[in-house]
């Protein structure tokens, strides 16, 4: 039994330098793993989100009187007034119903397509 333990210890000592030689730079190994993950995260999450945010900002900046809009609550209406500072919008929901709300509560501007009828 003593020979068996001595043999294992001898083999373990011989394997240790080989493992250290193959180990390499741990920082480089982490970079190899995380760089592709960061690139995928950017192209699948951040880039589309930034594009959507820019589109929404442009839509809200171009908001004007008589635009048909949908609020984040799902209310359909028409813009009748924009405040001087541009932060508040008044929309007409019905003939006598008007709602005053923040500009960022507008989800989208509804574009009515003209149909060509023959």
N, C-alpha and C. Protein backbone atom coordinates (compact mmCIF):
# COMPACT_ATOMS: atom_id res chain seq x y z
N UNK A 1 0.82 -1.18 0.00
CA UNK A 1 0.00 0.00 0.00
C UNK A 1 0.87 1.26 0.00
N UNK A 2 1.97 1.18 0.70
CA UNK A 2 2.88 2.31 0.77
C UNK A 2 3.46 2.63 -0.61
N UNK A 3 3.74 1.60 -1.44
CA UNK A 3 4.24 1.81 -2.79
C UNK A 3 3.17 2.50 -3.65
N UNK A 4 1.94 2.10 -3.44
CA UNK A 4 0.84 2.65 -4.24
C UNK A 4 0.69 4.16 -3.98
N UNK A 5 0.77 4.58 -2.71
CA UNK A 5 0.67 6.00 -2.35
C UNK A 5 1.87 6.77 -2.89
N UNK A 6 3.04 6.16 -2.80
CA UNK A 6 4.23 6.82 -3.33
C UNK A 6 4.13 7.01 -4.84
N UNK A 7 3.59 6.02 -5.53
CA UNK A 7 3.42 6.11 -6.98
C UNK A 7 2.43 7.23 -7.33
N UNK A 8 1.33 7.32 -6.59
CA UNK A 8 0.35 8.38 -6.83
C UNK A 8 0.95 9.76 -6.59
N UNK A 9 1.72 9.89 -5.52
CA UNK A 9 2.35 11.17 -5.24
C UNK A 9 3.35 11.55 -6.33
N UNK A 10 4.08 10.56 -6.83
CA UNK A 10 5.05 10.81 -7.89
C UNK A 10 4.34 11.24 -9.18
N UNK A 11 3.22 10.59 -9.51
CA UNK A 11 2.46 10.96 -10.70
C UNK A 11 1.82 12.34 -10.56
N UNK A 12 1.36 12.64 -9.36
CA UNK A 12 0.75 13.94 -9.12
C UNK A 12 1.77 15.06 -9.26
N UNK A 13 2.99 14.83 -8.81
CA UNK A 13 4.04 15.83 -8.94
C UNK A 13 4.40 16.05 -10.40
N UNK A 14 4.38 15.01 -11.21
CA UNK A 14 4.71 15.14 -12.63
C UNK A 14 3.59 15.85 -13.40
N UNK A 15 2.34 15.69 -12.99
CA UNK A 15 1.20 16.28 -13.70
C UNK A 15 1.05 17.77 -13.37
N UNK A 16 1.49 18.20 -12.23
CA UNK A 16 1.31 19.59 -11.81
C UNK A 16 2.02 20.58 -12.73
N UNK A 17 3.26 20.40 -13.13
CA UNK A 17 3.90 21.37 -14.04
C UNK A 17 3.23 21.40 -15.42
N UNK A 18 2.73 20.29 -15.89
CA UNK A 18 2.07 20.26 -17.19
C UNK A 18 0.77 21.06 -17.15
N UNK A 19 0.05 20.95 -16.05
CA UNK A 19 -1.21 21.69 -15.91
C UNK A 19 -0.94 23.19 -15.83
N UNK A 20 0.10 23.59 -15.14
CA UNK A 20 0.44 25.00 -15.03
C UNK A 20 0.87 25.56 -16.38
N UNK A 21 1.54 24.77 -17.19
CA UNK A 21 1.99 25.23 -18.49
C UNK A 21 0.80 25.45 -19.43
N UNK A 22 -0.25 24.65 -19.30
CA UNK A 22 -1.41 24.78 -20.18
C UNK A 22 -2.39 25.83 -19.67
N UNK A 23 -2.26 26.26 -18.45
CA UNK A 23 -3.23 27.16 -17.84
C UNK A 23 -3.33 28.49 -18.57
N UNK A 24 -2.27 29.15 -18.89
CA UNK A 24 -2.30 30.41 -19.62
C UNK A 24 -2.74 31.58 -18.75
N UNK A 25 -3.11 32.65 -19.40
CA UNK A 25 -3.53 33.86 -18.72
C UNK A 25 -5.03 33.79 -18.43
N UNK A 26 -5.43 33.81 -17.14
CA UNK A 26 -6.85 33.70 -16.82
C UNK A 26 -7.66 34.92 -17.29
N UNK A 27 -7.04 36.08 -17.36
CA UNK A 27 -7.73 37.27 -17.83
C UNK A 27 -8.09 37.13 -19.32
N UNK A 28 -7.20 36.57 -20.09
CA UNK A 28 -7.45 36.35 -21.51
C UNK A 28 -8.56 35.32 -21.71
N UNK A 29 -8.59 34.30 -20.87
CA UNK A 29 -9.65 33.29 -20.97
C UNK A 29 -11.01 33.90 -20.65
N UNK A 30 -11.07 34.76 -19.64
CA UNK A 30 -12.34 35.42 -19.32
C UNK A 30 -12.76 36.35 -20.44
N UNK A 31 -11.80 37.02 -21.05
CA UNK A 31 -12.11 37.92 -22.16
C UNK A 31 -12.66 37.14 -23.36
N UNK A 32 -12.10 35.98 -23.60
CA UNK A 32 -12.58 35.13 -24.70
C UNK A 32 -14.02 34.70 -24.46
N UNK A 33 -14.40 34.50 -23.21
CA UNK A 33 -15.76 34.07 -22.89
C UNK A 33 -16.73 35.26 -22.90
N UNK A 34 -16.35 36.37 -22.28
CA UNK A 34 -17.28 37.47 -22.08
C UNK A 34 -17.39 38.42 -23.27
N UNK A 35 -16.39 38.53 -24.11
CA UNK A 35 -16.47 39.45 -25.25
C UNK A 35 -17.60 39.06 -26.22
N UNK A 36 -17.72 37.80 -26.62
CA UNK A 36 -18.86 37.45 -27.49
C UNK A 36 -20.21 37.63 -26.80
N UNK A 37 -20.27 37.35 -25.50
CA UNK A 37 -21.52 37.56 -24.77
C UNK A 37 -21.90 39.04 -24.75
N UNK A 38 -20.93 39.90 -24.55
CA UNK A 38 -21.20 41.34 -24.54
C UNK A 38 -21.64 41.81 -25.92
N UNK A 39 -21.03 41.29 -26.97
CA UNK A 39 -21.41 41.67 -28.34
C UNK A 39 -22.83 41.23 -28.65
N UNK A 40 -23.19 40.01 -28.28
CA UNK A 40 -24.54 39.51 -28.51
C UNK A 40 -25.53 40.34 -27.72
N UNK A 41 -25.23 40.66 -26.48
CA UNK A 41 -26.11 41.46 -25.64
C UNK A 41 -26.33 42.84 -26.25
N UNK A 42 -25.28 43.43 -26.78
CA UNK A 42 -25.40 44.75 -27.40
C UNK A 42 -26.30 44.69 -28.63
N UNK A 43 -26.04 43.74 -29.53
CA UNK A 43 -26.78 43.70 -30.79
C UNK A 43 -28.21 43.20 -30.63
N UNK A 44 -28.49 42.39 -29.62
CA UNK A 44 -29.84 41.88 -29.44
C UNK A 44 -30.68 42.71 -28.48
N UNK A 45 -30.05 43.43 -27.55
CA UNK A 45 -30.80 44.16 -26.54
C UNK A 45 -30.62 45.68 -26.69
N UNK A 46 -29.42 46.17 -26.59
CA UNK A 46 -29.18 47.61 -26.53
C UNK A 46 -29.44 48.34 -27.84
N UNK A 47 -28.95 47.84 -28.94
CA UNK A 47 -29.11 48.55 -30.21
C UNK A 47 -30.58 48.71 -30.61
N UNK A 48 -31.39 47.65 -30.57
CA UNK A 48 -32.81 47.85 -30.90
C UNK A 48 -33.53 48.76 -29.91
N UNK A 49 -33.16 48.68 -28.64
CA UNK A 49 -33.80 49.52 -27.63
C UNK A 49 -33.46 51.00 -27.87
N UNK A 50 -32.23 51.29 -28.21
CA UNK A 50 -31.84 52.67 -28.49
C UNK A 50 -32.54 53.20 -29.74
N UNK A 51 -32.68 52.33 -30.74
CA UNK A 51 -33.37 52.73 -31.97
C UNK A 51 -34.84 53.03 -31.68
N UNK A 52 -35.49 52.20 -30.89
CA UNK A 52 -36.89 52.41 -30.54
C UNK A 52 -37.05 53.69 -29.72
N UNK A 53 -36.13 53.94 -28.80
CA UNK A 53 -36.18 55.15 -27.97
C UNK A 53 -36.05 56.41 -28.84
N UNK A 54 -35.15 56.37 -29.82
CA UNK A 54 -34.96 57.52 -30.71
C UNK A 54 -36.20 57.75 -31.58
N UNK A 55 -36.81 56.66 -32.05
CA UNK A 55 -38.02 56.78 -32.86
C UNK A 55 -39.16 57.37 -32.04
N UNK A 56 -39.30 56.91 -30.81
CA UNK A 56 -40.37 57.43 -29.94
C UNK A 56 -40.15 58.90 -29.63
N UNK A 57 -38.92 59.29 -29.37
CA UNK A 57 -38.61 60.70 -29.09
C UNK A 57 -38.94 61.56 -30.30
N UNK A 58 -38.59 61.10 -31.47
CA UNK A 58 -38.87 61.86 -32.69
C UNK A 58 -40.39 61.99 -32.91
N UNK A 59 -41.12 60.91 -32.64
CA UNK A 59 -42.58 60.94 -32.78
C UNK A 59 -43.19 61.95 -31.82
N UNK A 60 -42.75 61.95 -30.57
CA UNK A 60 -43.30 62.88 -29.59
C UNK A 60 -42.89 64.32 -29.87
N UNK A 61 -41.69 64.52 -30.42
CA UNK A 61 -41.24 65.87 -30.75
C UNK A 61 -42.03 66.44 -31.93
N UNK A 62 -42.47 65.58 -32.84
CA UNK A 62 -43.21 66.02 -34.02
C UNK A 62 -44.72 66.07 -33.78
N UNK A 63 -45.16 65.84 -32.57
CA UNK A 63 -46.59 65.85 -32.25
C UNK A 63 -47.15 67.25 -32.48
N UNK A 64 -48.29 67.32 -33.16
CA UNK A 64 -48.89 68.62 -33.45
C UNK A 64 -50.41 68.53 -33.32
N UNK A 65 -51.05 69.65 -33.42
CA UNK A 65 -52.50 69.75 -33.29
C UNK A 65 -53.17 68.92 -34.39
N UNK A 66 -54.30 68.30 -34.06
CA UNK A 66 -55.12 67.47 -34.95
C UNK A 66 -54.50 66.11 -35.28
N UNK A 67 -53.45 65.71 -34.58
CA UNK A 67 -52.91 64.35 -34.74
C UNK A 67 -53.78 63.38 -33.97
N UNK A 68 -54.12 62.25 -34.58
CA UNK A 68 -54.83 61.19 -33.87
C UNK A 68 -53.79 60.38 -33.10
N UNK A 69 -54.05 60.16 -31.80
CA UNK A 69 -53.08 59.49 -30.95
C UNK A 69 -53.74 58.38 -30.14
N UNK A 70 -52.88 57.50 -29.62
CA UNK A 70 -53.29 56.47 -28.67
C UNK A 70 -52.43 56.67 -27.44
N UNK A 71 -53.06 56.73 -26.27
CA UNK A 71 -52.31 56.91 -25.03
C UNK A 71 -51.81 55.56 -24.53
N UNK A 72 -50.97 55.60 -23.50
CA UNK A 72 -50.47 54.34 -22.94
C UNK A 72 -51.57 53.56 -22.25
N UNK A 73 -52.67 54.23 -21.94
CA UNK A 73 -53.84 53.56 -21.36
C UNK A 73 -54.78 53.00 -22.41
N UNK A 74 -54.49 53.24 -23.69
CA UNK A 74 -55.33 52.72 -24.76
C UNK A 74 -56.44 53.66 -25.18
N UNK A 75 -56.41 54.91 -24.73
CA UNK A 75 -57.45 55.88 -25.08
C UNK A 75 -57.12 56.48 -26.44
N UNK A 76 -58.10 56.48 -27.33
CA UNK A 76 -57.95 57.08 -28.65
C UNK A 76 -58.46 58.51 -28.60
N UNK A 77 -57.73 59.44 -29.19
CA UNK A 77 -58.16 60.82 -29.18
C UNK A 77 -57.42 61.63 -30.22
N UNK A 78 -57.74 62.91 -30.26
CA UNK A 78 -57.13 63.85 -31.19
C UNK A 78 -56.52 64.99 -30.40
N UNK A 79 -55.30 65.37 -30.74
CA UNK A 79 -54.61 66.45 -30.04
C UNK A 79 -55.30 67.77 -30.37
N UNK A 80 -55.69 68.51 -29.34
CA UNK A 80 -56.31 69.82 -29.56
C UNK A 80 -55.45 70.96 -29.05
N UNK A 81 -54.51 70.67 -28.15
CA UNK A 81 -53.68 71.74 -27.61
C UNK A 81 -52.38 71.16 -27.08
N UNK A 82 -51.30 71.90 -27.27
CA UNK A 82 -50.00 71.59 -26.69
C UNK A 82 -49.62 72.74 -25.78
N UNK A 83 -49.13 72.45 -24.59
CA UNK A 83 -48.75 73.51 -23.66
C UNK A 83 -47.53 74.26 -24.19
N UNK A 84 -47.28 75.43 -23.62
CA UNK A 84 -46.16 76.26 -24.07
C UNK A 84 -44.82 75.58 -23.83
N UNK A 85 -44.69 74.90 -22.69
CA UNK A 85 -43.43 74.22 -22.41
C UNK A 85 -43.32 72.88 -23.12
N UNK A 86 -44.40 72.42 -23.73
CA UNK A 86 -44.38 71.19 -24.51
C UNK A 86 -44.49 69.93 -23.69
N UNK A 87 -44.73 70.04 -22.40
CA UNK A 87 -44.80 68.86 -21.55
C UNK A 87 -46.21 68.31 -21.40
N UNK A 88 -47.22 69.13 -21.67
CA UNK A 88 -48.60 68.70 -21.50
C UNK A 88 -49.35 68.76 -22.83
N UNK A 89 -50.26 67.82 -22.99
CA UNK A 89 -51.05 67.70 -24.21
C UNK A 89 -52.51 67.58 -23.79
N UNK A 90 -53.38 68.25 -24.52
CA UNK A 90 -54.82 68.09 -24.30
C UNK A 90 -55.37 67.35 -25.51
N UNK A 91 -56.06 66.23 -25.24
CA UNK A 91 -56.65 65.48 -26.34
C UNK A 91 -58.16 65.47 -26.21
N UNK A 92 -58.81 65.46 -27.37
CA UNK A 92 -60.26 65.37 -27.41
C UNK A 92 -60.61 63.91 -27.62
N UNK A 93 -61.40 63.37 -26.68
CA UNK A 93 -61.78 61.97 -26.76
C UNK A 93 -63.14 61.83 -27.43
N UNK A 94 -64.04 62.75 -27.08
CA UNK A 94 -65.38 62.77 -27.62
C UNK A 94 -65.73 64.23 -27.89
N UNK A 95 -66.94 64.51 -28.31
CA UNK A 95 -67.32 65.89 -28.62
C UNK A 95 -67.10 66.82 -27.44
N UNK A 96 -67.46 66.41 -26.24
CA UNK A 96 -67.35 67.27 -25.07
C UNK A 96 -66.32 66.80 -24.06
N UNK A 97 -65.61 65.76 -24.35
CA UNK A 97 -64.64 65.21 -23.39
C UNK A 97 -63.21 65.52 -23.83
N UNK A 98 -62.49 66.18 -22.94
CA UNK A 98 -61.07 66.50 -23.20
C UNK A 98 -60.25 66.01 -22.02
N UNK A 99 -59.09 65.50 -22.32
CA UNK A 99 -58.17 65.01 -21.29
C UNK A 99 -56.85 65.75 -21.41
N UNK A 100 -56.35 66.21 -20.26
CA UNK A 100 -55.04 66.86 -20.23
C UNK A 100 -54.06 65.87 -19.62
N UNK A 101 -52.96 65.64 -20.32
CA UNK A 101 -51.99 64.64 -19.86
C UNK A 101 -50.59 65.05 -20.26
N UNK A 102 -49.64 64.32 -19.70
CA UNK A 102 -48.24 64.55 -20.04
C UNK A 102 -47.96 64.05 -21.45
N UNK A 103 -47.04 64.69 -22.11
CA UNK A 103 -46.72 64.33 -23.50
C UNK A 103 -46.17 62.90 -23.58
N UNK A 104 -45.40 62.48 -22.59
CA UNK A 104 -44.82 61.13 -22.66
C UNK A 104 -45.83 60.03 -22.40
N UNK A 105 -47.10 60.39 -22.12
CA UNK A 105 -48.12 59.36 -21.98
C UNK A 105 -48.77 59.00 -23.32
N UNK A 106 -48.32 59.63 -24.39
CA UNK A 106 -48.78 59.28 -25.73
C UNK A 106 -47.95 58.09 -26.21
N UNK A 107 -48.62 56.99 -26.55
CA UNK A 107 -47.91 55.81 -27.01
C UNK A 107 -47.56 55.91 -28.48
N UNK A 108 -48.52 56.31 -29.32
CA UNK A 108 -48.25 56.38 -30.75
C UNK A 108 -49.18 57.37 -31.42
N UNK A 109 -48.75 57.81 -32.57
CA UNK A 109 -49.58 58.66 -33.41
C UNK A 109 -50.19 57.74 -34.47
N UNK A 110 -51.52 57.79 -34.59
CA UNK A 110 -52.22 56.93 -35.54
C UNK A 110 -52.22 57.62 -36.90
N UNK A 111 -51.73 56.90 -37.88
CA UNK A 111 -51.70 57.42 -39.25
C UNK A 111 -52.80 56.72 -40.03
N UNK A 112 -53.74 57.50 -40.48
CA UNK A 112 -54.85 56.94 -41.26
C UNK A 112 -54.43 56.88 -42.71
N UNK A 113 -54.47 55.67 -43.27
CA UNK A 113 -54.09 55.49 -44.66
C UNK A 113 -55.28 55.81 -45.56
N UNK A 114 -55.00 56.51 -46.63
CA UNK A 114 -56.04 56.83 -47.59
C UNK A 114 -56.20 55.63 -48.52
N UNK A 115 -57.43 55.20 -48.72
CA UNK A 115 -57.69 54.08 -49.62
C UNK A 115 -58.21 54.61 -50.94
N UNK A 116 -57.72 54.06 -51.99
CA UNK A 116 -58.18 54.44 -53.32
C UNK A 116 -59.37 53.57 -53.69
N UNK A 117 -60.52 54.16 -53.78
CA UNK A 117 -61.71 53.38 -54.15
C UNK A 117 -62.08 53.72 -55.58
N UNK A 118 -62.44 52.71 -56.29
CA UNK A 118 -62.77 52.89 -57.72
C UNK A 118 -64.24 52.89 -57.92
